[in-house]
C-alpha atoms as a PDB file:
ATOM      1  CA  MET A   1      51.833  56.928 207.000  1.00  0.00           C
ATOM      2  CA  SER A   2      52.300  53.332 204.892  1.00  0.00           C
ATOM      3  CA  VAL A   3      53.316  52.959 201.732  1.00  0.00           C
ATOM      4  CA  ARG A   4      50.475  52.292 200.281  1.00  0.00           C
ATOM      5  CA  LYS A   5      48.695  54.305 201.969  1.00  0.00           C
ATOM      6  CA  LEU A   6      51.314  56.871 199.948  1.00  0.00           C
ATOM      7  CA  LEU A   7      50.902  54.887 196.070  1.00  0.00           C
ATOM      8  CA  GLY A   8      47.490  55.691 197.203  1.00  0.00           C
ATOM      9  CA  SER A   9      47.316  59.023 198.074  1.00  0.00           C
ATOM     10  CA  ALA A  10      49.441  60.046 194.719  1.00  0.00           C
ATOM     11  CA  LEU A  11      46.939  57.146 192.627  1.00  0.00           C
ATOM     12  CA  ALA A  12      44.345  59.423 193.043  1.00  0.00           C
ATOM     13  CA  GLY A  13      46.098  63.209 192.888  1.00  0.00           C
ATOM     14  CA  VAL A  14      47.418  61.723 189.336  1.00  0.00           C
ATOM     15  CA  GLY A  15      44.101  60.578 188.406  1.00  0.00           C
ATOM     16  CA  GLY A  16      42.228  63.401 190.086  1.00  0.00           C
ATOM     17  CA  LEU A  17      44.587  65.451 187.625  1.00  0.00           C
ATOM     18  CA  VAL A  18      43.371  64.170 184.928  1.00  0.00           C
ATOM     19  CA  ALA A  19      39.855  63.872 185.160  1.00  0.00           C
ATOM     20  CA  LEU A  20      40.454  68.236 185.855  1.00  0.00           C
ATOM     21  CA  ASN A  21      42.417  68.037 182.247  1.00  0.00           C
ATOM     22  CA  ARG A  22      39.669  66.788 180.553  1.00  0.00           C
ATOM     23  CA  ARG A  23      36.928  68.519 181.560  1.00  0.00           C
ATOM     24  CA  LEU A  24      38.677  71.441 180.909  1.00  0.00           C
ATOM     25  CA  ARG A  25      39.420  70.731 178.213  1.00  0.00           C
ATOM     26  CA  ALA A  26      35.880  69.532 176.710  1.00  0.00           C
ATOM     27  CA  ARG A  27      34.660  72.794 178.253  1.00  0.00           C
ATOM     28  CA  ALA A  28      36.644  74.121 176.217  1.00  0.00           C
ATOM     29  CA  GLY A  29      34.306  73.135 172.932  1.00  0.00           C
ATOM     30  CA  GLU A  30      34.879  73.971 169.457  1.00  0.00           C
ATOM     31  CA  LEU A  31      36.526  77.573 169.072  1.00  0.00           C
ATOM     32  CA  PRO A  32      34.660  79.892 166.782  1.00  0.00           C
ATOM     33  CA  PRO A  33      36.912  82.128 164.422  1.00  0.00           C
ATOM     34  CA  ALA A  34      37.645  85.655 166.358  1.00  0.00           C
ATOM     35  CA  LEU A  35      36.970  87.965 163.367  1.00  0.00           C
ATOM     36  CA  ASP A  36      34.331  87.801 160.689  1.00  0.00           C
ATOM     37  CA  GLY A  37      35.357  87.065 156.758  1.00  0.00           C
ATOM     38  CA  ASN A  38      35.790  84.125 155.085  1.00  0.00           C
ATOM     39  CA  GLN A  39      37.231  81.444 156.708  1.00  0.00           C
ATOM     40  CA  ASN A  40      39.641  78.772 155.238  1.00  0.00           C
ATOM     41  CA  GLN A  41      42.571  76.956 155.311  1.00  0.00           C
ATOM     42  CA  TYR A  42      46.222  77.592 154.122  1.00  0.00           C
ATOM     43  CA  ARG A  43      47.379  74.013 153.448  1.00  0.00           C
ATOM     44  CA  TRP A  44      51.082  73.604 154.852  1.00  0.00           C
ATOM     45  CA  ARG A  45      53.455  71.007 156.089  1.00  0.00           C
ATOM     46  CA  GLY A  46      50.180  68.384 156.866  1.00  0.00           C
ATOM     47  CA  MET A  47      49.220  70.664 158.449  1.00  0.00           C
ATOM     48  CA  ASP A  48      45.559  73.141 157.726  1.00  0.00           C
ATOM     49  CA  VAL A  49      46.380  77.026 159.475  1.00  0.00           C
ATOM     50  CA  ALA A  50      42.791  78.586 159.315  1.00  0.00           C
ATOM     51  CA  TYR A  51      43.255  82.153 158.179  1.00  0.00           C
ATOM     52  CA  THR A  52      39.825  85.102 158.228  1.00  0.00           C
ATOM     53  CA  GLU A  53      40.176  86.594 154.156  1.00  0.00           C
ATOM     54  CA  ALA A  54      37.653  90.195 154.354  1.00  0.00           C
ATOM     55  CA  GLY A  55      37.593  93.268 151.782  1.00  0.00           C
ATOM     56  CA  ASP A  56      38.167  93.579 148.034  1.00  0.00           C
ATOM     57  CA  PRO A  57      40.231  91.134 146.841  1.00  0.00           C
ATOM     58  CA  ASP A  58      41.211  94.531 143.670  1.00  0.00           C
ATOM     59  CA  ASP A  59      42.602  96.155 146.615  1.00  0.00           C
ATOM     60  CA  PRO A  60      46.130  96.096 147.883  1.00  0.00           C
ATOM     61  CA  ASN A  61      46.872  92.868 150.224  1.00  0.00           C
ATOM     62  CA  LEU A  62      47.830  93.300 153.586  1.00  0.00           C
ATOM     63  CA  VAL A  63      49.024  90.656 155.731  1.00  0.00           C
ATOM     64  CA  LEU A  64      47.974  90.787 160.098  1.00  0.00           C
ATOM     65  CA  LEU A  65      50.232  88.449 161.870  1.00  0.00           C
ATOM     66  CA  HIS A  66      49.830  87.965 165.584  1.00  0.00           C
ATOM     67  CA  GLY A  67      52.458  88.408 168.566  1.00  0.00           C
ATOM     68  CA  ILE A  68      52.521  85.096 170.358  1.00  0.00           C
ATOM     69  CA  ASN A  69      51.723  84.551 174.385  1.00  0.00           C
ATOM     70  CA  ALA A  70      50.069  81.220 175.880  1.00  0.00           C
ATOM     71  CA  ALA A  71      46.302  82.517 174.015  1.00  0.00           C
ATOM     72  CA  ALA A  72      47.109  84.348 170.798  1.00  0.00           C
ATOM     73  CA  SER A  73      44.944  83.994 167.952  1.00  0.00           C
ATOM     74  CA  SER A  74      44.203  86.967 164.888  1.00  0.00           C
ATOM     75  CA  GLY A  75      41.459  88.171 166.831  1.00  0.00           C
ATOM     76  CA  GLU A  76      44.676  89.988 168.577  1.00  0.00           C
ATOM     77  CA  PHE A  77      43.445  92.567 164.804  1.00  0.00           C
ATOM     78  CA  ARG A  78      39.334  92.194 166.767  1.00  0.00           C
ATOM     79  CA  GLU A  79      38.592  95.890 166.588  1.00  0.00           C
ATOM     80  CA  VAL A  80      41.250  97.339 162.796  1.00  0.00           C
ATOM     81  CA  PHE A  81      40.353  94.478 161.021  1.00  0.00           C
ATOM     82  CA  ALA A  82      36.417  95.458 159.657  1.00  0.00           C
ATOM     83  CA  ASP A  83      38.222  98.913 159.199  1.00  0.00           C
ATOM     84  CA  LEU A  84      41.171  97.357 157.365  1.00  0.00           C
ATOM     85  CA  ALA A  85      38.556  94.961 155.110  1.00  0.00           C
ATOM     86  CA  GLU A  86      37.313  98.573 153.642  1.00  0.00           C
ATOM     87  CA  GLU A  87      40.423  99.943 152.056  1.00  0.00           C
ATOM     88  CA  TYR A  88      42.404  96.864 152.137  1.00  0.00           C
ATOM     89  CA  HIS A  89      41.936  92.862 150.721  1.00  0.00           C
ATOM     90  CA  VAL A  90      43.410  91.717 154.268  1.00  0.00           C
ATOM     91  CA  ILE A  91      43.985  88.594 155.317  1.00  0.00           C
ATOM     92  CA  ALA A  92      44.981  87.506 159.263  1.00  0.00           C
ATOM     93  CA  PRO A  93      46.014  84.174 159.903  1.00  0.00           C
ATOM     94  CA  ASP A  94      46.146  82.033 163.566  1.00  0.00           C
ATOM     95  CA  LEU A  95      49.941  80.460 163.496  1.00  0.00           C
ATOM     96  CA  PRO A  96      50.327  77.426 164.371  1.00  0.00           C
ATOM     97  CA  GLY A  97      49.832  75.726 167.268  1.00  0.00           C
ATOM     98  CA  PHE A  98      47.333  78.836 167.614  1.00  0.00           C
ATOM     99  CA  GLY A  99      44.279  80.335 167.371  1.00  0.00           C
ATOM    100  CA  ARG A 100      41.315  77.840 165.542  1.00  0.00           C
ATOM    101  CA  SER A 101      45.125  76.165 162.989  1.00  0.00           C
ATOM    102  CA  ASP A 102      46.409  72.466 163.927  1.00  0.00           C
ATOM    103  CA  ARG A 103      47.906  72.681 167.302  1.00  0.00           C
ATOM    104  CA  PRO A 104      50.664  69.446 165.787  1.00  0.00           C
ATOM    105  CA  PRO A 105      52.549  68.050 169.214  1.00  0.00           C
ATOM    106  CA  LEU A 106      56.007  69.688 168.099  1.00  0.00           C
ATOM    107  CA  ASN A 107      58.916  71.062 169.153  1.00  0.00           C
ATOM    108  CA  TYR A 108      57.387  74.423 168.267  1.00  0.00           C
ATOM    109  CA  SER A 109      60.616  77.448 167.308  1.00  0.00           C
ATOM    110  CA  SER A 110      61.683  80.828 166.215  1.00  0.00           C
ATOM    111  CA  THR A 111      62.962  78.700 162.844  1.00  0.00           C
ATOM    112  CA  LEU A 112      59.417  76.827 161.759  1.00  0.00           C
ATOM    113  CA  TYR A 113      57.492  80.300 162.443  1.00  0.00           C
ATOM    114  CA  THR A 114      60.214  82.076 160.011  1.00  0.00           C
ATOM    115  CA  GLU A 115      59.781  79.556 157.372  1.00  0.00           C
ATOM    116  CA  PHE A 116      55.920  79.359 158.113  1.00  0.00           C
ATOM    117  CA  VAL A 117      56.151  83.445 157.364  1.00  0.00           C
ATOM    118  CA  ASP A 118      58.085  82.994 154.427  1.00  0.00           C
ATOM    119  CA  ASP A 119      55.264  80.731 152.850  1.00  0.00           C
ATOM    120  CA  PHE A 120      52.557  82.799 153.666  1.00  0.00           C
ATOM    121  CA  LEU A 121      53.558  86.093 152.596  1.00  0.00           C
ATOM    122  CA  ALA A 122      54.623  84.251 149.124  1.00  0.00           C
ATOM    123  CA  GLU A 123      50.570  83.417 148.806  1.00  0.00           C
ATOM    124  CA  PHE A 124      50.003  86.658 148.207  1.00  0.00           C
ATOM    125  CA  GLU A 125      50.982  89.238 145.613  1.00  0.00           C
ATOM    126  CA  SER A 126      53.897  92.650 147.335  1.00  0.00           C
ATOM    127  CA  PRO A 127      51.138  92.703 150.775  1.00  0.00           C
ATOM    128  CA  ALA A 128      52.305  94.651 153.359  1.00  0.00           C
ATOM    129  CA  VAL A 129      52.338  93.273 156.190  1.00  0.00           C
ATOM    130  CA  ILE A 130      50.932  94.753 159.938  1.00  0.00           C
ATOM    131  CA  ALA A 131      53.297  91.668 162.207  1.00  0.00           C
ATOM    132  CA  SER A 132      53.419  92.043 166.037  1.00  0.00           C
ATOM    133  CA  SER A 133      55.506  91.881 168.973  1.00  0.00           C
ATOM    134  CA  LEU A 134      58.170  88.647 168.114  1.00  0.00           C
ATOM    135  CA  THR A 135      56.270  87.255 165.153  1.00  0.00           C
ATOM    136  CA  CYS A 136      58.237  90.617 164.140  1.00  0.00           C
ATOM    137  CA  ALA A 137      61.226  88.916 164.187  1.00  0.00           C
ATOM    138  CA  TYR A 138      59.885  86.226 162.734  1.00  0.00           C
ATOM    139  CA  THR A 139      59.079  87.957 159.943  1.00  0.00           C
ATOM    140  CA  LEU A 140      62.079  90.544 158.795  1.00  0.00           C
ATOM    141  CA  ALA A 141      64.154  87.017 159.557  1.00  0.00           C
ATOM    142  CA  ALA A 142      62.233  85.652 156.458  1.00  0.00           C
ATOM    143  CA  LEU A 143      62.103  88.532 154.154  1.00  0.00           C
ATOM    144  CA  THR A 144      66.482  88.847 155.131  1.00  0.00           C
ATOM    145  CA  GLU A 145      66.817  85.375 154.818  1.00  0.00           C
ATOM    146  CA  GLY A 146      63.626  83.745 152.737  1.00  0.00           C
ATOM    147  CA  ARG A 147      63.268  82.640 150.350  1.00  0.00           C
ATOM    148  CA  SER A 148      64.528  85.056 146.697  1.00  0.00           C
ATOM    149  CA  ASP A 149      61.097  85.159 145.096  1.00  0.00           C
ATOM    150  CA  HIS A 150      58.505  87.232 146.865  1.00  0.00           C
ATOM    151  CA  ALA A 151      58.784  90.979 148.352  1.00  0.00           C
ATOM    152  CA  ILE A 152      56.343  93.255 150.390  1.00  0.00           C
ATOM    153  CA  SER A 153      55.756  96.869 149.775  1.00  0.00           C
ATOM    154  CA  ASP A 154      55.682  98.468 153.183  1.00  0.00           C
ATOM    155  CA  LEU A 155      56.475  96.672 156.924  1.00  0.00           C
ATOM    156  CA  LEU A 156      54.063  97.733 159.950  1.00  0.00           C
ATOM    157  CA  CYS A 157      55.951  96.294 163.712  1.00  0.00           C
ATOM    158  CA  ILE A 158      54.112  96.732 166.603  1.00  0.00           C
ATOM    159  CA  CYS A 159      56.320  96.855 169.700  1.00  0.00           C
ATOM    160  CA  PRO A 160      59.131  94.033 167.641  1.00  0.00           C
ATOM    161  CA  THR A 161      61.652  92.125 169.979  1.00  0.00           C
ATOM    162  CA  ALA A 162      63.110  89.260 168.869  1.00  0.00           C
ATOM    163  CA  ILE A 163      63.948  88.154 172.661  1.00  0.00           C
ATOM    164  CA  ALA A 164      60.705  87.091 174.271  1.00  0.00           C
ATOM    165  CA  GLY A 165      62.029  84.290 176.408  1.00  0.00           C
ATOM    166  CA  PRO A 166      64.625  82.561 178.756  1.00  0.00           C
ATOM    167  CA  GLU A 167      68.008  83.007 177.354  1.00  0.00           C
ATOM    168  CA  PRO A 168      69.600  80.736 176.393  1.00  0.00           C
ATOM    169  CA  PRO A 169      66.359  78.756 176.407  1.00  0.00           C
ATOM    170  CA  LYS A 170      65.545  75.542 179.132  1.00  0.00           C
ATOM    171  CA  GLN A 171      64.911  73.084 177.867  1.00  0.00           C
ATOM    172  CA  TRP A 172      63.848  70.470 181.639  1.00  0.00           C
ATOM    173  CA  LEU A 173      60.956  73.388 181.073  1.00  0.00           C
ATOM    174  CA  ARG A 174      59.762  72.831 177.829  1.00  0.00           C
ATOM    175  CA  GLU A 175      59.155  69.289 177.908  1.00  0.00           C
ATOM    176  CA  LEU A 176      57.775  69.904 182.544  1.00  0.00           C
ATOM    177  CA  ILE A 177      54.998  71.603 180.362  1.00  0.00           C
ATOM    178  CA  ARG A 178      54.653  68.992 177.463  1.00  0.00           C
ATOM    179  CA  ALA A 179      54.427  65.895 179.275  1.00  0.00           C
ATOM    180  CA  PRO A 180      51.328  64.602 179.645  1.00  0.00           C
ATOM    181  CA  VAL A 181      49.842  65.382 182.973  1.00  0.00           C
ATOM    182  CA  ILE A 182      51.644  66.950 185.583  1.00  0.00           C
ATOM    183  CA  GLY A 183      52.504  69.081 182.613  1.00  0.00           C
ATOM    184  CA  GLU A 184      49.084  69.604 181.471  1.00  0.00           C
ATOM    185  CA  GLY A 185      48.098  70.239 185.090  1.00  0.00           C
ATOM    186  CA  LEU A 186      51.070  73.162 185.223  1.00  0.00           C
ATOM    187  CA  TYR A 187      49.650  74.704 181.256  1.00  0.00           C
ATOM    188  CA  ASN A 188      46.035  75.193 182.912  1.00  0.00           C
ATOM    189  CA  LEU A 189      47.516  77.440 185.788  1.00  0.00           C
ATOM    190  CA  ILE A 190      49.355  79.325 183.497  1.00  0.00           C
ATOM    191  CA  ALA A 191      46.553  79.874 180.901  1.00  0.00           C
ATOM    192  CA  SER A 192      43.815  79.730 184.313  1.00  0.00           C
ATOM    193  CA  LYS A 193      41.587  82.954 183.236  1.00  0.00           C
ATOM    194  CA  PRO A 194      42.862  84.875 186.511  1.00  0.00           C
ATOM    195  CA  SER A 195      46.094  84.584 184.438  1.00  0.00           C
ATOM    196  CA  ILE A 196      44.745  85.403 181.042  1.00  0.00           C
ATOM    197  CA  ARG A 197      43.648  88.411 183.482  1.00  0.00           C
ATOM    198  CA  TYR A 198      46.763  89.233 185.512  1.00  0.00           C
ATOM    199  CA  PHE A 199      49.055  88.860 181.876  1.00  0.00           C
ATOM    200  CA  ASN A 200      46.496  91.241 180.689  1.00  0.00           C
ATOM    201  CA  ALA A 201      46.064  93.968 183.567  1.00  0.00           C
ATOM    202  CA  ASP A 202      49.892  93.895 184.049  1.00  0.00           C
ATOM    203  CA  HIS A 203      51.501  94.837 180.296  1.00  0.00           C
ATOM    204  CA  GLY A 204      48.865  93.816 177.262  1.00  0.00           C
ATOM    205  CA  TYR A 205      46.422  96.625 178.226  1.00  0.00           C
ATOM    206  CA  TYR A 206      47.021 100.390 179.689  1.00  0.00           C
ATOM    207  CA  ASP A 207      43.780 100.520 180.928  1.00  0.00           C
ATOM    208  CA  PRO A 208      42.022  97.047 181.410  1.00  0.00           C
ATOM    209  CA  THR A 209      38.476  98.145 181.659  1.00  0.00           C
ATOM    210  CA  LYS A 210      39.274  97.724 177.876  1.00  0.00           C
ATOM    211  CA  VAL A 211      39.328  94.638 177.468  1.00  0.00           C
ATOM    212  CA  THR A 212      35.523  92.880 177.924  1.00  0.00           C
ATOM    213  CA  GLU A 213      35.115  89.994 179.068  1.00  0.00           C
ATOM    214  CA  ALA A 214      33.891  88.204 176.603  1.00  0.00           C
ATOM    215  CA  TRP A 215      37.225  88.608 175.383  1.00  0.00           C
ATOM    216  CA  GLN A 216      39.353  87.271 177.913  1.00  0.00           C
ATOM    217  CA  ASP A 217      36.634  84.052 177.805  1.00  0.00           C
ATOM    218  CA  TYR A 218      37.131  83.752 173.704  1.00  0.00           C
ATOM    219  CA  GLU A 219      41.230  83.730 175.242  1.00  0.00           C
ATOM    220  CA  TRP A 220      40.495  81.473 178.176  1.00  0.00           C
ATOM    221  CA  GLN A 221      38.433  78.802 175.572  1.00  0.00           C
ATOM    222  CA  THR A 222      41.748  79.201 172.599  1.00  0.00           C
ATOM    223  CA  ALA A 223      44.129  78.280 175.456  1.00  0.00           C
ATOM    224  CA  HIS A 224      42.578  75.380 175.979  1.00  0.00           C
ATOM    225  CA  GLN A 225      41.764  73.829 172.726  1.00  0.00           C
ATOM    226  CA  SER A 226      43.001  69.845 172.288  1.00  0.00           C
ATOM    227  CA  ASN A 227      47.269  70.076 172.296  1.00  0.00           C
ATOM    228  CA  ALA A 228      46.988  73.717 173.486  1.00  0.00           C
ATOM    229  CA  ARG A 229      50.187  73.727 175.221  1.00  0.00           C
ATOM    230  CA  PHE A 230      52.851  72.358 172.888  1.00  0.00           C
ATOM    231  CA  ALA A 231      53.464  76.091 171.179  1.00  0.00           C
ATOM    232  CA  PRO A 232      53.893  78.198 174.050  1.00  0.00           C
ATOM    233  CA  ALA A 233      55.553  75.538 175.270  1.00  0.00           C
ATOM    234  CA  SER A 234      57.735  76.384 173.665  1.00  0.00           C
ATOM    235  CA  PHE A 235      57.584  80.268 174.121  1.00  0.00           C
ATOM    236  CA  ILE A 236      57.221  79.680 177.747  1.00  0.00           C
ATOM    237  CA  SER A 237      60.714  78.148 177.811  1.00  0.00           C
ATOM    238  CA  GLY A 238      62.850  80.054 174.745  1.00  0.00           C
ATOM    239  CA  TYR A 239      62.486  78.476 172.403  1.00  0.00           C
ATOM    240  CA  LEU A 240      59.989  80.529 170.703  1.00  0.00           C
ATOM    241  CA  ASN A 241      64.087  83.299 170.300  1.00  0.00           C
ATOM    242  CA  SER A 242      65.180  84.753 167.258  1.00  0.00           C
ATOM    243  CA  ASP A 243      68.959  85.535 167.426  1.00  0.00           C
ATOM    244  CA  ILE A 244      67.613  87.404 164.001  1.00  0.00           C
ATOM    245  CA  ASP A 245      69.237  91.252 164.277  1.00  0.00           C
ATOM    246  CA  LEU A 246      66.358  93.443 164.334  1.00  0.00           C
ATOM    247  CA  ALA A 247      67.309  97.523 163.009  1.00  0.00           C
ATOM    248  CA  ALA A 248      69.577  95.753 160.518  1.00  0.00           C
ATOM    249  CA  ALA A 249      67.220  93.110 158.916  1.00  0.00           C
ATOM    250  CA  ILE A 250      65.113  96.704 159.015  1.00  0.00           C
ATOM    251  CA  GLN A 251      67.605  99.181 157.834  1.00  0.00           C
ATOM    252  CA  SER A 252      68.201  96.287 155.033  1.00  0.00           C
ATOM    253  CA  LEU A 253      64.631  96.262 153.450  1.00  0.00           C
ATOM    254  CA  ASP A 254      63.968  98.618 150.327  1.00  0.00           C
ATOM    255  CA  VAL A 255      60.512  99.357 152.081  1.00  0.00           C
ATOM    256  CA  SER A 256      58.921 101.058 154.420  1.00  0.00           C
ATOM    257  CA  THR A 257      58.418 100.400 157.906  1.00  0.00           C
ATOM    258  CA  THR A 258      56.983 101.850 160.532  1.00  0.00           C
ATOM    259  CA  ILE A 259      57.355 101.331 163.924  1.00  0.00           C
ATOM    260  CA  VAL A 260      54.729 101.580 166.247  1.00  0.00           C
ATOM    261  CA  TRP A 261      54.906 101.248 170.361  1.00  0.00           C
ATOM    262  CA  GLY A 262      53.056 101.661 173.571  1.00  0.00           C
ATOM    263  CA  ARG A 263      55.380 104.536 175.675  1.00  0.00           C
ATOM    264  CA  ASP A 264      54.726 102.470 178.833  1.00  0.00           C
ATOM    265  CA  ALA A 265      55.205  99.354 177.934  1.00  0.00           C
ATOM    266  CA  ASP A 266      57.028  97.220 180.239  1.00  0.00           C
ATOM    267  CA  ILE A 267      58.194  94.021 179.302  1.00  0.00           C
ATOM    268  CA  THR A 268      59.832  95.744 176.250  1.00  0.00           C
ATOM    269  CA  PRO A 269      60.126  99.936 176.932  1.00  0.00           C
ATOM    270  CA  LEU A 270      60.050 102.468 174.873  1.00  0.00           C
ATOM    271  CA  SER A 271      63.450 102.946 174.715  1.00  0.00           C
ATOM    272  CA  GLU A 272      64.768 100.292 172.946  1.00  0.00           C
ATOM    273  CA  GLY A 273      62.080 101.569 170.331  1.00  0.00           C
ATOM    274  CA  ARG A 274      63.768 104.414 170.021  1.00  0.00           C
ATOM    275  CA  GLU A 275      67.355 102.803 169.528  1.00  0.00           C
ATOM    276  CA  LEU A 276      65.384 100.457 167.270  1.00  0.00           C
ATOM    277  CA  ALA A 277      64.510 102.791 164.679  1.00  0.00           C
ATOM    278  CA  ASP A 278      67.948 105.767 165.542  1.00  0.00           C
ATOM    279  CA  GLU A 279      69.859 102.158 163.939  1.00  0.00           C
ATOM    280  CA  ALA A 280      67.017 101.437 161.397  1.00  0.00           C
ATOM    281  CA  ASP A 281      65.983 104.751 160.293  1.00  0.00           C
ATOM    282  CA  ALA A 282      62.899 103.990 160.661  1.00  0.00           C
ATOM    283  CA  THR A 283      59.677 106.155 161.587  1.00  0.00           C
ATOM    284  CA  LEU A 284      58.153 105.714 165.555  1.00  0.00           C
ATOM    285  CA  VAL A 285      54.889 105.827 166.548  1.00  0.00           C
ATOM    286  CA  VAL A 286      54.008 106.420 170.233  1.00  0.00           C
ATOM    287  CA  PHE A 287      51.511 105.641 171.251  1.00  0.00           C
ATOM    288  CA  ASP A 288      50.213 107.098 174.911  1.00  0.00           C
ATOM    289  CA  GLN A 289      48.757 105.260 177.537  1.00  0.00           C
ATOM    290  CA  ALA A 290      49.306 101.750 176.561  1.00  0.00           C
ATOM    291  CA  TYR A 291      51.504  99.165 176.358  1.00  0.00           C
ATOM    292  CA  LEU A 292      51.488  95.558 174.368  1.00  0.00           C
ATOM    293  CA  LEU A 293      48.753  96.555 172.394  1.00  0.00           C
ATOM    294  CA  PRO A 294      47.828 100.047 171.083  1.00  0.00           C
ATOM    295  CA  HIS A 295      46.072  98.798 168.526  1.00  0.00           C
ATOM    296  CA  VAL A 296      43.680  97.151 170.451  1.00  0.00           C
ATOM    297  CA  GLU A 297      43.079 100.587 173.364  1.00  0.00           C
ATOM    298  CA  PHE A 298      42.660 103.079 170.479  1.00  0.00           C
ATOM    299  CA  PRO A 299      42.125 101.398 167.396  1.00  0.00           C
ATOM    300  CA  ALA A 300      40.828 104.644 165.813  1.00  0.00           C
ATOM    301  CA  GLU A 301      44.715 106.852 166.140  1.00  0.00           C
ATOM    302  CA  PHE A 302      45.737 102.724 165.194  1.00  0.00           C
ATOM    303  CA  LEU A 303      43.682 103.376 161.905  1.00  0.00           C
ATOM    304  CA  ALA A 304      44.825 106.782 160.506  1.00  0.00           C
ATOM    305  CA  VAL A 305      49.024 104.905 161.250  1.00  0.00           C
ATOM    306  CA  VAL A 306      47.797 102.685 158.291  1.00  0.00           C
ATOM    307  CA  ASP A 307      46.040 104.882 156.198  1.00  0.00           C
ATOM    308  CA  ASN A 308      50.038 107.153 156.782  1.00  0.00           C
ATOM    309  CA  TRP A 309      52.394 104.022 157.457  1.00  0.00           C
ATOM    310  CA  ILE A 310      50.885 102.547 153.536  1.00  0.00           C
ATOM    311  CA  ASP A 311      51.169 106.368 151.855  1.00  0.00           C
ATOM    312  CA  ALA A 312      55.459 105.609 151.263  1.00  0.00           C
ATOM    313  CA  ASP A 313      55.307 109.079 150.826  1.00  0.00           C
ATOM    314  CA  SER A 314      54.656 110.239 153.927  1.00  0.00           C
ATOM    315  CA  ALA A 315      57.073 107.665 155.761  1.00  0.00           C
ATOM    316  CA  VAL A 316      60.618 110.335 157.617  1.00  0.00           C
ATOM    317  CA  ALA A 317      62.614 108.321 159.229  1.00  0.00           C
ATOM    318  CA  SER A 318      63.349 108.521 162.518  1.00  0.00           C
ATOM    319  CA  THR A 319      60.581 110.092 163.086  1.00  0.00           C
ATOM    320  CA  ASP A 320      59.403 109.648 167.134  1.00  0.00           C
ATOM    321  CA  THR A 321      55.764 110.629 166.658  1.00  0.00           C
ATOM    322  CA  THR A 322      52.979 110.536 170.036  1.00  0.00           C
ATOM    323  CA  ALA A 323      49.640 108.746 167.537  1.00  0.00           C
ATOM    324  CA  ASN A 324      46.951 109.878 170.414  1.00  0.00           C
END
């Protein structure tokens, strides 16, 4: 084949990829809220951060912080949000770069998310906090290394981890996914519907029938908003890893702390949860037949855990309790 034909084929391929990327963005459309409630914006460092608020403002504040993945959003709490709002003033943000929040093409980092959590929690008086997965590390860093003029009343961490990507981080991988055309095309494969279904079944849900097609469609939609790849690029390449010592940070807090874990989680196995609870003198609640999302698979049981956890007098240090 001549050089001219090779170049022509390459240009045609790039052109086709550009067109495909554009079609996927257009197909995604405007993202609706994942949760029912008052839809608000928190202005932070030039970004509009979306959050949903529900419940009586005179009730105790409860902030819900979702975990990190390519399709992450506050919708992670969809099965418990409305019930929690019956007793608490509940606030659930979409982290910067995710959901309905702004997604500027930044080099997202654990420091950025720690500082966001630090500033966002300061907006509410003595909130209780539920944080999921990697975001628990940011919460602990904010509480132990951030500002000193705010405090929380209670902390519940769901399958907490400080490491969720390669260590050390891979700059070439981040820049590849951030790259125009090719990077966006690669990201679209990672965030395709088959990939979302695979990851949900592999380590999200013990029982994949508990995640509906409608929710997986929403995950696809949020993962294909404009600039959606930039925050996940940092996550996939390891730049959202935190260097905090989870156990030491929990131990240094003067608040009731509960750790929730899925017994069958493999990315962050239960052995890590038991070790963390022992070292931190924290309460450990284990959900049978659950991976990383016990609050989605067993909402009623999770709500019972929340009620016991916020009642600080009922917490027992280093207890391994089975919730279902």
